[in-house]
Amino acid sequence: MKFSHQPVLLRETIEHLNLKPNGIYVDCTLGAAGHSTAILAAEPTVRLIGIDQDPQALERASLRLAAYTGQVTLVQDNFRNLERILDGLGIGKVDGVLMDIGVSSPQLDDADRGFSYQQDAPLDMRMDPNQPIDAKTIVNTYSAEELTKIIKMYGEERWASRISDFIVRERKRAPLETTGELVDLIKRAIPAKARATGPHPARRTFQALRIAVNDELNALQQGLEQAVEVLAAQGRLAVITFHSLEDRIVKNFFQEMLGKCICPPDFPVCVCGRTPQGRLVTRGPLLPSQEELEDNPRSRSAKLRVLEKL
């Protein structure tokens, strides 16, 4: 399959991972191996573990990384299982972990995967095609209340309740089968004035369904916690996010790793017992340069945060 992929914030990511000769690095979201290829090019002595739950991504990445056979290990799994994965490979500690969160360009561009609201395809949205729950299942079997919660919480969609009501009403006639049918329904559910400005009317709902199908936010939280556990001292965790829900989780987790006291200010001594586990390498998120934005519009919402383990 022909595809195009531009890894976002590439220069910034490689720089802030602070690559060490003969170090061990984990790309938790291998995708098309753009970041991994750059890591190996920048420091050819490293060992790289590439993880992705999408078998198509692993197939593409294996071709791109063929020149590095012997120092690259590819694993089909979810990075929420990071500790188990490394334990199975006999690896205790690593020098760096990279997470590039969200859907990849090849997944969006492959109409058959059902991620895009701009192409008609079966309602799927599974990153791992072997998992049991897909978007079609959620849309056609979840209650109006459950759908509203998903669309409002994960899509931050103000018309979540109305969209859910339209879905439930429509599926009584016939199950919703395709992305095109869902897009048409969302357009009918959102008032014309609200559709006239802002992003595509289906964007937030599709984001919400994708997050729910793949349990992305829970996986992110679990992955962050395990990443800190497997990092060696002075190892770095670099995370790229693309929307506020992801970035908020990363920001809050990094703040927790600073170990600041949370005791009430009137306590004479600290009793919370919190100790620092890491330091911020980036005080705030790093954003794409104007040059990158012009070259790759999909990078416009990307944010990079980096933590170093103490």
Protein backbone atom coordinates (compact mmCIF):
# COMPACT_ATOMS: atom_id res chain seq x y z
CA MET A 1 0.00 0.00 0.00
CA LYS A 2 1.24 3.48 -0.87
CA PHE A 3 1.27 5.93 2.03
CA SER A 4 2.89 9.14 3.17
CA HIS A 5 3.96 9.98 6.68
CA GLN A 6 5.83 12.91 8.20
CA PRO A 7 6.86 12.45 11.83
CA VAL A 8 6.04 15.60 13.79
CA LEU A 9 8.46 17.55 15.96
CA LEU A 10 11.20 15.21 14.73
CA ARG A 11 14.25 17.40 15.36
CA GLU A 12 12.98 18.45 18.79
CA THR A 13 12.22 14.86 19.79
CA ILE A 14 15.65 13.51 18.84
CA GLU A 15 17.39 16.42 20.55
CA HIS A 16 15.48 16.07 23.81
CA LEU A 17 15.76 12.29 24.04
CA ASN A 18 19.48 12.95 24.64
CA LEU A 19 20.53 9.71 22.92
CA LYS A 20 23.33 7.75 24.56
CA PRO A 21 25.74 5.42 22.73
CA ASN A 22 24.69 1.76 23.16
CA GLY A 23 21.52 2.89 24.94
CA ILE A 24 18.19 1.10 24.79
CA TYR A 25 15.22 3.10 23.47
CA VAL A 26 11.55 2.25 23.11
CA ASP A 27 9.28 3.71 20.45
CA CYS A 28 5.90 2.90 21.97
CA THR A 29 3.94 4.01 18.89
CA LEU A 30 6.12 2.84 16.02
CA GLY A 31 3.72 3.74 13.20
CA ALA A 32 5.67 4.26 9.97
CA ALA A 33 8.95 4.29 11.94
CA GLY A 34 9.74 7.93 11.17
CA HIS A 35 10.96 8.74 14.67
CA SER A 36 12.65 5.36 15.06
CA THR A 37 14.58 5.76 11.81
CA ALA A 38 15.77 9.17 12.97
CA ILE A 39 16.85 7.77 16.36
CA LEU A 40 18.94 5.07 14.67
CA ALA A 41 20.42 7.52 12.20
CA ALA A 42 21.38 9.94 14.98
CA GLU A 43 22.96 7.27 17.20
CA PRO A 44 23.62 4.05 15.22
CA THR A 45 24.79 2.08 18.28
CA VAL A 46 21.46 2.07 20.12
CA ARG A 47 19.11 -0.87 20.51
CA LEU A 48 15.55 -0.01 19.57
CA ILE A 49 12.32 -1.68 20.68
CA GLY A 50 9.42 -0.72 18.42
CA ILE A 51 5.87 -1.34 19.67
CA ASP A 52 2.62 -0.97 17.77
CA GLN A 53 -0.76 -2.66 18.06
CA ASP A 54 -1.41 -2.24 14.34
CA PRO A 55 0.00 -5.17 12.29
CA GLN A 56 -0.02 -3.08 9.12
CA ALA A 57 2.18 -0.48 10.81
CA LEU A 58 4.63 -3.17 11.91
CA GLU A 59 4.79 -4.56 8.39
CA ARG A 60 5.60 -1.14 6.94
CA ALA A 61 8.08 -0.36 9.70
CA SER A 62 9.92 -3.65 9.27
CA LEU A 63 10.66 -2.73 5.66
CA ARG A 64 11.84 0.74 6.59
CA LEU A 65 14.07 -0.57 9.38
CA ALA A 66 15.47 -3.53 7.43
CA ALA A 67 18.96 -2.02 7.41
CA TYR A 68 19.04 -2.18 11.21
CA THR A 69 18.22 -5.87 11.61
CA GLY A 70 19.95 -7.18 14.72
CA GLN A 71 19.51 -4.05 16.80
CA VAL A 72 15.77 -3.54 16.31
CA THR A 73 13.02 -5.63 17.91
CA LEU A 74 9.44 -5.13 16.76
CA VAL A 75 6.51 -6.13 18.98
CA GLN A 76 2.78 -6.15 18.21
CA ASP A 77 1.14 -5.02 21.43
CA ASN A 78 -0.31 -2.01 23.22
CA PHE A 79 2.21 0.17 25.05
CA ARG A 80 -0.02 -0.03 28.12
CA ASN A 81 1.75 -3.42 28.54
CA LEU A 82 5.24 -1.89 28.40
CA GLU A 83 6.62 -3.58 31.52
CA ARG A 84 5.41 -7.00 30.40
CA ILE A 85 6.84 -6.47 26.91
CA LEU A 86 10.30 -5.54 28.18
CA ASP A 87 10.26 -8.32 30.76
CA GLY A 88 9.55 -10.80 27.97
CA LEU A 89 12.60 -9.48 26.09
CA GLY A 90 14.78 -9.75 29.17
CA ILE A 91 15.20 -5.99 29.42
CA GLY A 92 15.19 -4.36 32.84
CA LYS A 93 15.84 -0.66 32.32
CA VAL A 94 15.91 1.55 29.22
CA ASP A 95 17.44 4.93 28.44
CA GLY A 96 14.50 6.52 26.68
CA VAL A 97 10.82 6.08 25.86
CA LEU A 98 8.92 7.86 23.09
CA MET A 99 5.13 8.04 22.74
CA ASP A 100 3.49 9.71 19.73
CA ILE A 101 -0.16 9.56 20.76
CA GLY A 102 -3.21 9.26 18.54
CA VAL A 103 -4.04 8.09 15.04
CA SER A 104 -1.27 7.98 12.44
CA SER A 105 -1.32 9.46 8.95
CA PRO A 106 -1.33 6.02 7.24
CA GLN A 107 -4.34 5.00 9.32
CA LEU A 108 -6.18 8.18 8.38
CA ASP A 109 -5.27 7.85 4.72
CA ASP A 110 -6.38 4.20 4.46
CA ALA A 111 -10.12 4.62 3.84
CA ASP A 112 -10.87 0.99 4.73
CA ARG A 113 -9.81 1.56 8.35
CA GLY A 114 -12.76 3.89 8.98
CA PHE A 115 -10.82 6.56 10.89
CA SER A 116 -11.51 9.43 8.50
CA TYR A 117 -14.72 11.44 8.23
CA GLN A 118 -13.60 12.53 4.76
CA GLN A 119 -13.78 9.08 3.14
CA ASP A 120 -16.67 6.62 3.08
CA ALA A 121 -15.76 3.28 4.66
CA PRO A 122 -17.03 0.66 7.12
CA LEU A 123 -17.34 1.98 10.68
CA ASP A 124 -14.26 0.44 12.26
CA MET A 125 -11.57 2.70 13.82
CA ARG A 126 -9.67 -0.17 15.47
CA MET A 127 -5.91 0.29 15.71
CA ASP A 128 -5.66 -3.40 16.50
CA PRO A 129 -8.01 -5.12 14.03
CA ASN A 130 -8.21 -8.17 16.31
CA GLN A 131 -9.85 -6.36 19.20
CA PRO A 132 -13.58 -7.12 19.59
CA ILE A 133 -15.08 -3.61 19.84
CA ASP A 134 -15.26 -1.38 16.78
CA ALA A 135 -17.03 1.90 16.06
CA LYS A 136 -19.96 0.10 14.46
CA THR A 137 -20.58 -1.81 17.71
CA ILE A 138 -20.52 1.36 19.81
CA VAL A 139 -22.76 3.36 17.48
CA ASN A 140 -25.35 0.61 17.11
CA THR A 141 -25.49 -0.91 20.60
CA TYR A 142 -24.61 1.72 23.20
CA SER A 143 -27.43 3.62 24.88
CA ALA A 144 -28.10 7.28 24.15
CA GLU A 145 -26.69 8.15 27.58
CA GLU A 146 -23.49 6.18 26.94
CA LEU A 147 -23.05 7.73 23.50
CA THR A 148 -23.57 11.22 24.88
CA LYS A 149 -20.96 10.63 27.58
CA ILE A 150 -18.40 9.38 25.03
CA ILE A 151 -18.98 12.16 22.51
CA LYS A 152 -19.03 14.89 25.16
CA MET A 153 -16.10 13.62 27.22
CA TYR A 154 -13.74 12.48 24.45
CA GLY A 155 -14.85 14.82 21.68
CA GLU A 156 -15.73 17.88 23.76
CA GLU A 157 -18.72 18.22 21.46
CA ARG A 158 -21.40 20.66 22.64
CA TRP A 159 -24.05 18.89 20.53
CA ALA A 160 -23.28 15.44 21.98
CA SER A 161 -26.78 14.78 23.31
CA ARG A 162 -28.46 15.80 20.06
CA ILE A 163 -26.06 13.67 17.99
CA SER A 164 -26.71 10.67 20.24
CA ASP A 165 -30.47 11.10 19.90
CA PHE A 166 -30.15 11.18 16.11
CA ILE A 167 -27.98 8.03 16.17
CA VAL A 168 -30.45 6.08 18.31
CA ARG A 169 -33.41 7.22 16.19
CA GLU A 170 -31.65 6.36 12.92
CA ARG A 171 -30.44 2.89 13.98
CA LYS A 172 -34.01 1.86 14.79
CA ARG A 173 -34.64 1.99 11.04
CA ALA A 174 -31.41 0.22 10.08
CA PRO A 175 -27.94 -0.21 11.61
CA LEU A 176 -25.37 2.46 10.79
CA GLU A 177 -22.75 0.73 8.67
CA THR A 178 -20.41 3.34 7.21
CA THR A 179 -18.54 6.51 8.07
CA GLY A 180 -20.46 8.32 5.33
CA GLU A 181 -23.79 7.47 6.94
CA LEU A 182 -22.53 8.72 10.31
CA VAL A 183 -21.17 11.95 8.83
CA ASP A 184 -24.51 12.69 7.13
CA LEU A 185 -26.34 12.04 10.40
CA ILE A 186 -24.01 14.34 12.37
CA LYS A 187 -24.54 17.10 9.83
CA ARG A 188 -28.29 16.77 10.27
CA ALA A 189 -27.99 16.76 14.06
CA ILE A 190 -25.86 19.91 14.34
CA PRO A 191 -27.76 23.13 13.53
CA ALA A 192 -26.74 24.89 10.33
CA LYS A 193 -25.43 27.98 12.12
CA ALA A 194 -23.12 25.83 14.26
CA ARG A 195 -21.87 23.99 11.17
CA ALA A 196 -21.05 27.21 9.37
CA THR A 197 -17.89 27.93 11.37
CA GLY A 198 -15.14 25.91 12.99
CA PRO A 199 -13.81 22.45 12.09
CA HIS A 200 -15.65 19.77 10.12
CA PRO A 201 -18.88 18.99 12.03
CA ALA A 202 -17.96 15.28 12.35
CA ARG A 203 -14.42 15.86 13.59
CA ARG A 204 -15.14 15.82 17.32
CA THR A 205 -17.50 12.84 17.20
CA PHE A 206 -15.05 10.78 15.15
CA GLN A 207 -12.27 11.66 17.59
CA ALA A 208 -14.47 10.58 20.49
CA LEU A 209 -15.42 7.26 18.92
CA ARG A 210 -11.81 6.48 18.02
CA ILE A 211 -10.66 7.17 21.58
CA ALA A 212 -13.45 4.99 22.98
CA VAL A 213 -12.86 2.13 20.53
CA ASN A 214 -9.15 1.97 21.38
CA ASP A 215 -9.44 2.99 25.07
CA GLU A 216 -6.71 5.51 24.30
CA LEU A 217 -6.74 7.70 27.40
CA ASN A 218 -6.60 4.80 29.87
CA ALA A 219 -3.82 3.24 27.79
CA LEU A 220 -1.92 6.54 27.90
CA GLN A 221 -2.16 6.82 31.68
CA GLN A 222 -1.01 3.22 32.15
CA GLY A 223 1.77 3.64 29.62
CA LEU A 224 3.11 6.76 31.32
CA GLU A 225 3.21 5.04 34.70
CA GLN A 226 5.04 2.03 33.31
CA ALA A 227 7.45 4.17 31.30
CA VAL A 228 8.75 5.86 34.44
CA GLU A 229 9.17 2.46 36.08
CA VAL A 230 11.31 1.06 33.25
CA LEU A 231 13.46 4.18 32.75
CA ALA A 232 17.00 4.10 34.09
CA ALA A 233 18.29 7.09 36.06
CA GLN A 234 18.62 10.09 33.71
CA GLY A 235 16.51 8.26 31.14
CA ARG A 236 13.98 10.41 29.32
CA LEU A 237 10.30 10.09 28.49
CA ALA A 238 9.16 12.11 25.45
CA VAL A 239 5.44 12.34 24.69
CA ILE A 240 3.79 13.95 21.66
CA THR A 241 0.08 14.70 21.95
CA PHE A 242 -2.46 16.13 19.52
CA HIS A 243 -5.42 17.28 21.59
CA SER A 244 -6.15 18.77 24.97
CA LEU A 245 -7.37 15.57 26.65
CA GLU A 246 -4.10 13.76 25.95
CA ASP A 247 -1.94 16.75 26.81
CA ARG A 248 -3.76 17.28 30.11
CA ILE A 249 -3.04 13.69 31.16
CA VAL A 250 0.65 14.04 30.28
CA LYS A 251 0.99 17.45 31.94
CA ASN A 252 -0.67 16.27 35.16
CA PHE A 253 1.39 13.08 35.26
CA PHE A 254 4.64 14.99 34.79
CA GLN A 255 3.64 17.34 37.60
CA GLU A 256 3.05 14.34 39.87
CA MET A 257 6.53 13.06 39.04
CA LEU A 258 8.00 16.28 40.41
CA GLY A 259 6.93 15.04 43.85
CA LYS A 260 5.86 18.39 45.22
CA CYS A 261 4.37 18.32 48.71
CA ILE A 262 0.57 18.32 48.75
CA CYS A 263 0.11 18.75 52.49
CA PRO A 264 -2.10 21.65 53.65
CA PRO A 265 0.00 24.82 54.08
CA ASP A 266 -0.75 24.97 57.81
CA PHE A 267 0.89 21.56 58.48
CA PRO A 268 4.13 22.08 60.48
CA VAL A 269 5.89 19.17 58.69
CA CYS A 270 5.30 17.21 55.51
CA VAL A 271 3.35 13.99 56.01
CA CYS A 272 2.35 13.19 52.41
CA GLY A 273 5.64 11.42 51.77
CA ARG A 274 5.89 12.49 48.13
CA THR A 275 9.39 12.49 46.68
CA PRO A 276 10.54 13.66 43.24
CA GLN A 277 10.89 10.95 40.61
CA GLY A 278 11.70 13.18 37.67
CA ARG A 279 12.46 16.68 36.43
CA LEU A 280 10.94 18.60 33.56
CA VAL A 281 13.25 18.88 30.55
CA THR A 282 10.69 21.13 28.86
CA ARG A 283 9.05 23.68 31.17
CA GLY A 284 6.14 23.97 28.77
CA PRO A 285 5.23 22.03 25.65
CA LEU A 286 7.37 22.37 22.54
CA LEU A 287 5.33 23.32 19.47
CA PRO A 288 5.97 22.89 15.73
CA SER A 289 7.92 25.63 14.03
CA GLN A 290 6.29 27.79 11.39
CA GLU A 291 8.34 25.93 8.79
CA GLU A 292 6.98 22.57 9.95
CA LEU A 293 3.42 23.89 10.02
CA GLU A 294 3.73 24.99 6.42
CA ASP A 295 5.31 21.69 5.38
CA ASN A 296 2.95 19.45 7.39
CA PRO A 297 -0.43 20.99 8.35
CA ARG A 298 -1.28 17.86 10.38
CA SER A 299 1.34 18.95 12.93
CA ARG A 300 -0.64 22.07 13.89
CA SER A 301 -1.96 20.72 17.21
CA ALA A 302 1.12 18.71 18.23
CA LYS A 303 2.79 19.28 21.61
CA LEU A 304 5.96 17.66 22.92
CA ARG A 305 6.68 17.28 26.64
CA VAL A 306 9.80 15.62 28.04
CA LEU A 307 10.57 14.30 31.54
CA GLU A 308 13.91 13.01 32.83
CA LYS A 309 13.93 10.40 35.57
CA LEU A 310 16.05 11.24 38.62
